[in-house]
Amino acid sequence: MKLEAFNLRGKIAEHRISFDLCTPLWEDFDNSKMNALNAKWRDIKFLNELGTDISDDVKALPNDKGGLYIFVIKCPILLSTSEYLAYIGRAQLTQSHSLRVRCRKYLYEYCSETGRPKITTMIGMWGKYLHLRYAVIDENDDTVSIEAGLINSILPPFNDEIPNKIIRDAVAAF
């Protein structure tokens, strides 16, 4: 699809994302639990090839495990070179929650009139290019603390909540 210059300006503005790359926050991250976790990350496509439903890989996520998941926007032109971390989330294991249940809820939220605006924008604009990285974590406390540390360090553009009040207030000041 070729775009005219006038339409292209609007499309570029509509798809603009702002990233906060604050290296001191990266350096403050407690990496002690991440070393073991880094080998566990798995990458799957979020939506099917048509972009109309959850991929079969998401349907096959563990239903008896909790953990972390990350939405990544991947440009298909320069594979492994142009990837954009968009969102970090957690799935604690409870009677009604698991990695599969939590990750599937994002499509339902996108289709809902009451979905979170940032999530509906993320899926609406980049759904075809969204990948889901996930890692199983056995302990819910570890899931919560690692997620908070990652969000506080990376400041993903589609996360609404920054757990650390000092960082949250600093981000809000801009």
C-alpha atoms as a PDB file:
ATOM      1  CA  MET A   1       0.000   0.000   0.000  1.00  0.00           C
ATOM      2  CA  LYS A   2       1.513   3.289  -1.110  1.00  0.00           C
ATOM      3  CA  LEU A   3       0.663   6.380   0.901  1.00  0.00           C
ATOM      4  CA  GLU A   4       0.463   9.925  -0.341  1.00  0.00           C
ATOM      5  CA  ALA A   5       2.654  12.436   1.474  1.00  0.00           C
ATOM      6  CA  PHE A   6      -0.342  14.073   3.175  1.00  0.00           C
ATOM      7  CA  ASN A   7      -1.699  10.748   4.453  1.00  0.00           C
ATOM      8  CA  LEU A   8       1.765   9.566   5.414  1.00  0.00           C
ATOM      9  CA  ARG A   9       2.327  12.509   7.785  1.00  0.00           C
ATOM     10  CA  GLY A  10      -0.891  11.634   9.600  1.00  0.00           C
ATOM     11  CA  LYS A  11      -0.018   7.933   9.770  1.00  0.00           C
ATOM     12  CA  ILE A  12       3.420   8.676  11.185  1.00  0.00           C
ATOM     13  CA  ALA A  13       1.978  10.998  13.830  1.00  0.00           C
ATOM     14  CA  GLU A  14      -0.707   8.450  14.675  1.00  0.00           C
ATOM     15  CA  HIS A  15       1.879   5.692  15.187  1.00  0.00           C
ATOM     16  CA  ARG A  16       4.381   7.745  17.209  1.00  0.00           C
ATOM     17  CA  ILE A  17       5.562   6.224  20.500  1.00  0.00           C
ATOM     18  CA  SER A  18       7.774   7.927  23.049  1.00  0.00           C
ATOM     19  CA  PHE A  19      10.403   5.892  24.888  1.00  0.00           C
ATOM     20  CA  ASP A  20      12.175   7.025  28.062  1.00  0.00           C
ATOM     21  CA  LEU A  21      15.664   5.533  28.015  1.00  0.00           C
ATOM     22  CA  CYS A  22      17.058   6.394  31.437  1.00  0.00           C
ATOM     23  CA  THR A  23      20.300   4.465  31.874  1.00  0.00           C
ATOM     24  CA  PRO A  24      20.658   5.227  35.624  1.00  0.00           C
ATOM     25  CA  LEU A  25      17.414   3.266  36.137  1.00  0.00           C
ATOM     26  CA  TRP A  26      18.904   0.349  34.214  1.00  0.00           C
ATOM     27  CA  GLU A  27      21.970   0.424  36.436  1.00  0.00           C
ATOM     28  CA  ASP A  28      19.809   0.400  39.604  1.00  0.00           C
ATOM     29  CA  PHE A  29      17.951  -2.750  38.552  1.00  0.00           C
ATOM     30  CA  ASP A  30      18.570  -5.756  40.832  1.00  0.00           C
ATOM     31  CA  ASN A  31      19.784  -8.326  38.325  1.00  0.00           C
ATOM     32  CA  SER A  32      20.173 -11.172  40.839  1.00  0.00           C
ATOM     33  CA  LYS A  33      16.935 -12.945  39.865  1.00  0.00           C
ATOM     34  CA  MET A  34      17.164 -12.132  36.160  1.00  0.00           C
ATOM     35  CA  ASN A  35      20.249 -14.226  35.426  1.00  0.00           C
ATOM     36  CA  ALA A  36      18.343 -17.489  35.892  1.00  0.00           C
ATOM     37  CA  LEU A  37      15.231 -16.051  34.248  1.00  0.00           C
ATOM     38  CA  ASN A  38      16.946 -14.885  31.040  1.00  0.00           C
ATOM     39  CA  ALA A  39      17.325 -18.456  29.756  1.00  0.00           C
ATOM     40  CA  LYS A  40      13.618 -19.136  30.265  1.00  0.00           C
ATOM     41  CA  TRP A  41      12.103 -16.483  27.981  1.00  0.00           C
ATOM     42  CA  ARG A  42      10.051 -17.822  25.064  1.00  0.00           C
ATOM     43  CA  ASP A  43       8.891 -15.741  22.108  1.00  0.00           C
ATOM     44  CA  ILE A  44       5.544 -16.293  20.363  1.00  0.00           C
ATOM     45  CA  LYS A  45       3.325 -14.276  18.043  1.00  0.00           C
ATOM     46  CA  PHE A  46       0.369 -12.695  19.871  1.00  0.00           C
ATOM     47  CA  LEU A  47      -2.229 -12.719  17.076  1.00  0.00           C
ATOM     48  CA  ASN A  48      -2.772 -15.177  14.234  1.00  0.00           C
ATOM     49  CA  GLU A  49      -1.493 -14.368  10.737  1.00  0.00           C
ATOM     50  CA  LEU A  50      -4.736 -12.580   9.849  1.00  0.00           C
ATOM     51  CA  GLY A  51      -4.536 -10.480  13.021  1.00  0.00           C
ATOM     52  CA  THR A  52      -8.090 -11.463  13.923  1.00  0.00           C
ATOM     53  CA  ASP A  53      -7.633 -13.851  16.852  1.00  0.00           C
ATOM     54  CA  ILE A  54      -5.150 -15.037  19.441  1.00  0.00           C
ATOM     55  CA  SER A  55      -2.417 -17.198  17.920  1.00  0.00           C
ATOM     56  CA  ASP A  56      -2.395 -20.923  18.555  1.00  0.00           C
ATOM     57  CA  ASP A  57       0.808 -20.403  20.571  1.00  0.00           C
ATOM     58  CA  VAL A  58      -1.025 -18.113  23.027  1.00  0.00           C
ATOM     59  CA  LYS A  59      -3.820 -20.677  23.263  1.00  0.00           C
ATOM     60  CA  ALA A  60      -1.135 -23.197  24.278  1.00  0.00           C
ATOM     61  CA  LEU A  61       0.480 -21.097  27.031  1.00  0.00           C
ATOM     62  CA  PRO A  62       0.716 -22.885  30.386  1.00  0.00           C
ATOM     63  CA  ASN A  63      -2.605 -22.875  32.203  1.00  0.00           C
ATOM     64  CA  ASP A  64      -1.044 -24.119  35.442  1.00  0.00           C
ATOM     65  CA  LYS A  65       1.827 -21.627  35.721  1.00  0.00           C
ATOM     66  CA  GLY A  66       2.330 -17.962  36.458  1.00  0.00           C
ATOM     67  CA  GLY A  67       5.096 -15.683  35.297  1.00  0.00           C
ATOM     68  CA  LEU A  68       6.006 -12.578  33.376  1.00  0.00           C
ATOM     69  CA  TYR A  69       5.125 -11.546  29.857  1.00  0.00           C
ATOM     70  CA  ILE A  70       6.313  -8.762  27.625  1.00  0.00           C
ATOM     71  CA  PHE A  71       4.677  -7.371  24.510  1.00  0.00           C
ATOM     72  CA  VAL A  72       7.247  -6.562  21.850  1.00  0.00           C
ATOM     73  CA  ILE A  73       6.533  -4.821  18.544  1.00  0.00           C
ATOM     74  CA  LYS A  74       8.699  -6.419  15.853  1.00  0.00           C
ATOM     75  CA  CYS A  75       9.412  -4.830  12.504  1.00  0.00           C
ATOM     76  CA  PRO A  76       9.616  -7.651   9.912  1.00  0.00           C
ATOM     77  CA  ILE A  77      12.182  -5.800   7.792  1.00  0.00           C
ATOM     78  CA  LEU A  78      15.227  -6.045  10.104  1.00  0.00           C
ATOM     79  CA  LEU A  79      14.540  -9.118  12.188  1.00  0.00           C
ATOM     80  CA  SER A  80      16.077  -9.088  15.692  1.00  0.00           C
ATOM     81  CA  THR A  81      17.303  -5.549  15.066  1.00  0.00           C
ATOM     82  CA  SER A  82      14.162  -3.436  15.203  1.00  0.00           C
ATOM     83  CA  GLU A  83      12.182  -4.625  18.195  1.00  0.00           C
ATOM     84  CA  TYR A  84      10.364  -2.299  20.564  1.00  0.00           C
ATOM     85  CA  LEU A  85       9.449  -3.319  24.094  1.00  0.00           C
ATOM     86  CA  ALA A  86       5.922  -1.997  24.573  1.00  0.00           C
ATOM     87  CA  TYR A  87       4.487  -3.497  27.761  1.00  0.00           C
ATOM     88  CA  ILE A  88       5.497  -5.622  30.758  1.00  0.00           C
ATOM     89  CA  GLY A  89       2.950  -7.611  32.730  1.00  0.00           C
ATOM     90  CA  ARG A  90       2.604 -10.414  35.214  1.00  0.00           C
ATOM     91  CA  ALA A  91       0.362 -13.394  35.672  1.00  0.00           C
ATOM     92  CA  GLN A  92       0.206 -14.677  39.197  1.00  0.00           C
ATOM     93  CA  LEU A  93      -0.929 -18.257  39.541  1.00  0.00           C
ATOM     94  CA  THR A  94      -4.267 -18.460  41.357  1.00  0.00           C
ATOM     95  CA  GLN A  95      -7.382 -20.586  40.968  1.00  0.00           C
ATOM     96  CA  SER A  96      -8.641 -18.252  38.247  1.00  0.00           C
ATOM     97  CA  HIS A  97      -5.402 -16.877  36.750  1.00  0.00           C
ATOM     98  CA  SER A  98      -2.450 -18.268  34.834  1.00  0.00           C
ATOM     99  CA  LEU A  99      -0.195 -17.155  32.003  1.00  0.00           C
ATOM    100  CA  ARG A 100      -2.709 -18.391  29.435  1.00  0.00           C
ATOM    101  CA  VAL A 101      -5.729 -16.763  31.071  1.00  0.00           C
ATOM    102  CA  ARG A 102      -3.977 -13.434  31.615  1.00  0.00           C
ATOM    103  CA  CYS A 103      -2.487 -13.144  28.132  1.00  0.00           C
ATOM    104  CA  ARG A 104      -5.749 -14.119  26.410  1.00  0.00           C
ATOM    105  CA  LYS A 105      -7.547 -11.321  28.294  1.00  0.00           C
ATOM    106  CA  TYR A 106      -5.691  -8.702  26.265  1.00  0.00           C
ATOM    107  CA  LEU A 107      -7.626  -9.511  23.102  1.00  0.00           C
ATOM    108  CA  TYR A 108     -10.910  -9.393  25.018  1.00  0.00           C
ATOM    109  CA  GLU A 109      -9.886  -6.063  26.504  1.00  0.00           C
ATOM    110  CA  TYR A 110      -9.029  -4.775  23.045  1.00  0.00           C
ATOM    111  CA  CYS A 111     -12.484  -5.768  21.776  1.00  0.00           C
ATOM    112  CA  SER A 112     -14.239  -4.252  24.798  1.00  0.00           C
ATOM    113  CA  GLU A 113     -15.543  -0.697  24.882  1.00  0.00           C
ATOM    114  CA  THR A 114     -14.109  -0.338  28.391  1.00  0.00           C
ATOM    115  CA  GLY A 115     -10.578  -1.535  27.590  1.00  0.00           C
ATOM    116  CA  ARG A 116      -7.558   0.420  28.748  1.00  0.00           C
ATOM    117  CA  PRO A 117      -6.763   3.057  26.101  1.00  0.00           C
ATOM    118  CA  LYS A 118      -3.052   2.281  25.919  1.00  0.00           C
ATOM    119  CA  ILE A 119      -3.694  -1.447  25.498  1.00  0.00           C
ATOM    120  CA  THR A 120      -6.345  -0.945  22.825  1.00  0.00           C
ATOM    121  CA  THR A 121      -3.989   1.438  20.988  1.00  0.00           C
ATOM    122  CA  MET A 122      -1.077  -1.011  21.225  1.00  0.00           C
ATOM    123  CA  ILE A 123      -3.103  -3.893  19.799  1.00  0.00           C
ATOM    124  CA  GLY A 124      -5.027  -1.747  17.320  1.00  0.00           C
ATOM    125  CA  MET A 125      -1.939  -0.132  15.815  1.00  0.00           C
ATOM    126  CA  TRP A 126       0.609  -2.935  16.022  1.00  0.00           C
ATOM    127  CA  GLY A 127      -1.384  -6.148  16.658  1.00  0.00           C
ATOM    128  CA  LYS A 128      -0.122  -7.808  13.491  1.00  0.00           C
ATOM    129  CA  TYR A 129       3.451  -7.206  14.648  1.00  0.00           C
ATOM    130  CA  LEU A 130       3.024  -7.931  18.370  1.00  0.00           C
ATOM    131  CA  HIS A 131       4.982 -10.754  19.885  1.00  0.00           C
ATOM    132  CA  LEU A 132       4.639 -12.054  23.379  1.00  0.00           C
ATOM    133  CA  ARG A 133       7.708 -13.017  25.355  1.00  0.00           C
ATOM    134  CA  TYR A 134       6.999 -14.947  28.498  1.00  0.00           C
ATOM    135  CA  ALA A 135       8.858 -16.692  31.273  1.00  0.00           C
ATOM    136  CA  VAL A 136       7.383 -19.076  33.800  1.00  0.00           C
ATOM    137  CA  ILE A 137       8.094 -18.123  37.406  1.00  0.00           C
ATOM    138  CA  ASP A 138       7.147 -20.502  40.199  1.00  0.00           C
ATOM    139  CA  GLU A 139       6.786 -18.012  43.035  1.00  0.00           C
ATOM    140  CA  ASN A 140       4.118 -15.288  42.874  1.00  0.00           C
ATOM    141  CA  ASP A 141       6.200 -12.998  45.113  1.00  0.00           C
ATOM    142  CA  ASP A 142       9.090 -13.221  42.640  1.00  0.00           C
ATOM    143  CA  THR A 143       6.712 -12.512  39.755  1.00  0.00           C
ATOM    144  CA  VAL A 144       5.474  -9.335  41.447  1.00  0.00           C
ATOM    145  CA  SER A 145       8.904  -8.059  42.479  1.00  0.00           C
ATOM    146  CA  ILE A 146      10.626  -8.766  39.156  1.00  0.00           C
ATOM    147  CA  GLU A 147       7.781  -7.148  37.200  1.00  0.00           C
ATOM    148  CA  ALA A 148       7.947  -4.036  39.403  1.00  0.00           C
ATOM    149  CA  GLY A 149      11.722  -3.828  38.987  1.00  0.00           C
ATOM    150  CA  LEU A 150      11.517  -4.196  35.214  1.00  0.00           C
ATOM    151  CA  ILE A 151       8.790  -1.557  34.847  1.00  0.00           C
ATOM    152  CA  ASN A 152      10.674   0.846  37.143  1.00  0.00           C
ATOM    153  CA  SER A 153      13.870   0.359  35.103  1.00  0.00           C
ATOM    154  CA  ILE A 154      12.601   0.214  31.530  1.00  0.00           C
ATOM    155  CA  LEU A 155       9.489   2.468  31.670  1.00  0.00           C
ATOM    156  CA  PRO A 156       7.595   0.697  28.864  1.00  0.00           C
ATOM    157  CA  PRO A 157       5.427   3.155  26.918  1.00  0.00           C
ATOM    158  CA  PHE A 158       2.168   1.211  27.294  1.00  0.00           C
ATOM    159  CA  ASN A 159       2.362   0.498  31.029  1.00  0.00           C
ATOM    160  CA  ASP A 160       0.017   2.850  32.895  1.00  0.00           C
ATOM    161  CA  GLU A 161       1.393   2.217  36.361  1.00  0.00           C
ATOM    162  CA  ILE A 162       4.971   2.729  37.520  1.00  0.00           C
ATOM    163  CA  PRO A 163       5.314   0.952  40.879  1.00  0.00           C
ATOM    164  CA  ASN A 164       7.989   3.190  42.419  1.00  0.00           C
ATOM    165  CA  LYS A 165       6.440   6.492  43.556  1.00  0.00           C
ATOM    166  CA  ILE A 166       9.659   8.500  43.148  1.00  0.00           C
ATOM    167  CA  ILE A 167      10.095   7.306  39.549  1.00  0.00           C
ATOM    168  CA  ARG A 168       6.349   7.705  38.849  1.00  0.00           C
ATOM    169  CA  ASP A 169       6.415  11.317  40.098  1.00  0.00           C
ATOM    170  CA  ALA A 170       9.564  12.076  38.072  1.00  0.00           C
ATOM    171  CA  VAL A 171       7.971  10.701  34.887  1.00  0.00           C
ATOM    172  CA  ALA A 172       4.738  12.593  35.561  1.00  0.00           C
ATOM    173  CA  ALA A 173       6.692  15.851  35.892  1.00  0.00           C
ATOM    174  CA  PHE A 174       7.428  15.710  32.165  1.00  0.00           C
END
